[in-house]
Amino acid sequence: MSENGPGQDFHGAEDPRLASIDKRLERARRDEAIRTGAVRDDGGAGYQLGNRVLAALIGSLVGSALIGWLIDRWFGTTPWALIVMLFLGIGVAFRQIIRLTTRRPDDPGA
């Protein structure tokens, strides 16, 4: 019999056929675990949610502070409009954060 016949190559290099089968088997196991619910595949949803929460917090506070400052400048109510608008901005930011974090994952409006 031939030493280097088909399926007889055990001299060092990894067989690409076996590597391909291992990759496909691992992918099939992962897909099955996701399908049965054993593993969640959120696709980076936590990172996206964190970015949205941060944007809501910063955007609401900066926007309300800017509007309050402008009202103070135009009407001469120096600290009061800024203070009131900051409190309103905090309320809006918390409302947005609560709405973002209490949505269901399968909600189409997300």
Protein backbone atom coordinates (compact mmCIF):
# COMPACT_ATOMS: atom_id res chain seq x y z
CA MET A 1 0.00 0.00 0.00
CA SER A 2 1.04 3.55 -0.57
CA GLU A 3 2.26 5.59 2.41
CA ASN A 4 0.79 8.90 1.20
CA GLY A 5 -2.58 7.68 -0.07
CA PRO A 6 -5.87 9.46 0.54
CA GLY A 7 -6.62 9.91 4.23
CA GLN A 8 -3.14 8.77 5.28
CA ASP A 9 -1.41 12.14 5.64
CA PHE A 10 -0.51 12.44 9.34
CA HIS A 11 2.85 14.14 8.81
CA GLY A 12 2.24 17.56 10.36
CA ALA A 13 -0.02 19.91 8.43
CA GLU A 14 -3.65 20.22 9.46
CA ASP A 15 -6.10 18.76 7.00
CA PRO A 16 -8.19 21.57 5.47
CA ARG A 17 -11.14 19.20 5.11
CA LEU A 18 -11.21 18.55 8.84
CA ALA A 19 -10.83 22.25 9.63
CA SER A 20 -13.77 23.03 7.33
CA ILE A 21 -15.92 20.37 8.98
CA ASP A 22 -14.99 21.69 12.45
CA LYS A 23 -16.01 25.23 11.46
CA ARG A 24 -19.32 24.09 10.01
CA LEU A 25 -20.04 21.91 13.04
CA GLU A 26 -19.31 24.78 15.44
CA ARG A 27 -21.54 27.13 13.41
CA ALA A 28 -24.36 24.54 13.41
CA ARG A 29 -24.05 24.07 17.20
CA ARG A 30 -24.14 27.86 17.77
CA ASP A 31 -27.18 28.27 15.49
CA GLU A 32 -28.98 25.43 17.27
CA ALA A 33 -28.21 26.93 20.69
CA ILE A 34 -29.58 30.30 19.54
CA ARG A 35 -32.66 28.64 18.03
CA THR A 36 -33.47 26.69 21.21
CA GLY A 37 -32.84 29.72 23.43
CA ALA A 38 -29.84 28.29 25.30
CA VAL A 39 -27.73 31.24 24.13
CA ARG A 40 -28.85 34.76 23.24
CA ASP A 41 -27.44 36.39 20.16
CA ASP A 42 -28.15 40.07 20.79
CA GLY A 43 -25.74 41.25 18.10
CA GLY A 44 -24.34 44.07 20.19
CA ALA A 45 -27.72 45.32 21.40
CA GLY A 46 -26.29 46.19 24.82
CA TYR A 47 -23.75 48.49 23.27
CA GLN A 48 -26.40 50.14 21.10
CA LEU A 49 -28.72 50.59 24.06
CA GLY A 50 -25.92 52.17 26.09
CA ASN A 51 -25.19 54.61 23.30
CA ARG A 52 -28.87 55.55 23.00
CA VAL A 53 -29.18 56.09 26.76
CA LEU A 54 -26.06 58.25 26.82
CA ALA A 55 -27.26 60.28 23.83
CA ALA A 56 -30.67 60.82 25.46
CA LEU A 57 -29.09 61.98 28.71
CA ILE A 58 -26.52 64.31 27.18
CA GLY A 59 -28.80 65.62 24.43
CA SER A 60 -31.67 66.45 26.78
CA LEU A 61 -29.45 68.21 29.30
CA VAL A 62 -27.41 70.19 26.78
CA GLY A 63 -30.47 71.13 24.73
CA SER A 64 -32.48 72.27 27.71
CA ALA A 65 -29.53 74.19 29.17
CA LEU A 66 -29.02 75.99 25.87
CA ILE A 67 -32.68 76.92 25.60
CA GLY A 68 -32.73 78.11 29.23
CA TRP A 69 -29.62 80.19 28.72
CA LEU A 70 -31.10 81.79 25.59
CA ILE A 71 -34.34 82.61 27.41
CA ASP A 72 -32.30 84.17 30.23
CA ARG A 73 -30.34 86.28 27.76
CA TRP A 74 -33.41 87.48 25.87
CA PHE A 75 -35.69 88.24 28.84
CA GLY A 76 -33.12 89.07 31.55
CA THR A 77 -34.25 86.39 34.01
CA THR A 78 -30.64 85.48 34.64
CA PRO A 79 -30.56 82.17 36.58
CA TRP A 80 -34.22 81.13 36.64
CA ALA A 81 -34.97 80.00 33.11
CA LEU A 82 -31.74 78.01 33.01
CA ILE A 83 -32.57 76.26 36.29
CA VAL A 84 -36.15 75.48 35.23
CA MET A 85 -35.06 74.20 31.82
CA LEU A 86 -32.36 71.99 33.38
CA PHE A 87 -34.97 70.35 35.60
CA LEU A 88 -37.24 69.86 32.60
CA GLY A 89 -34.30 68.41 30.65
CA ILE A 90 -33.54 65.96 33.46
CA GLY A 91 -37.19 64.88 33.47
CA VAL A 92 -37.21 64.39 29.71
CA ALA A 93 -33.93 62.46 29.83
CA PHE A 94 -35.21 60.10 32.54
CA ARG A 95 -38.45 59.58 30.63
CA GLN A 96 -36.53 58.68 27.47
CA ILE A 97 -34.19 56.34 29.37
CA ILE A 98 -37.12 54.56 31.00
CA ARG A 99 -38.83 54.16 27.63
CA LEU A 100 -35.63 52.82 26.04
CA THR A 101 -34.87 50.30 28.77
CA THR A 102 -38.39 48.92 29.28
CA ARG A 103 -39.03 48.00 25.64
CA ARG A 104 -39.31 44.36 24.76
CA PRO A 105 -36.56 42.98 22.50
CA ASP A 106 -39.12 41.91 19.89
CA ASP A 107 -40.76 45.38 19.82
CA PRO A 108 -40.78 46.62 16.19
CA GLY A 109 -40.62 50.24 17.37
CA ALA A 110 -37.17 49.73 18.89
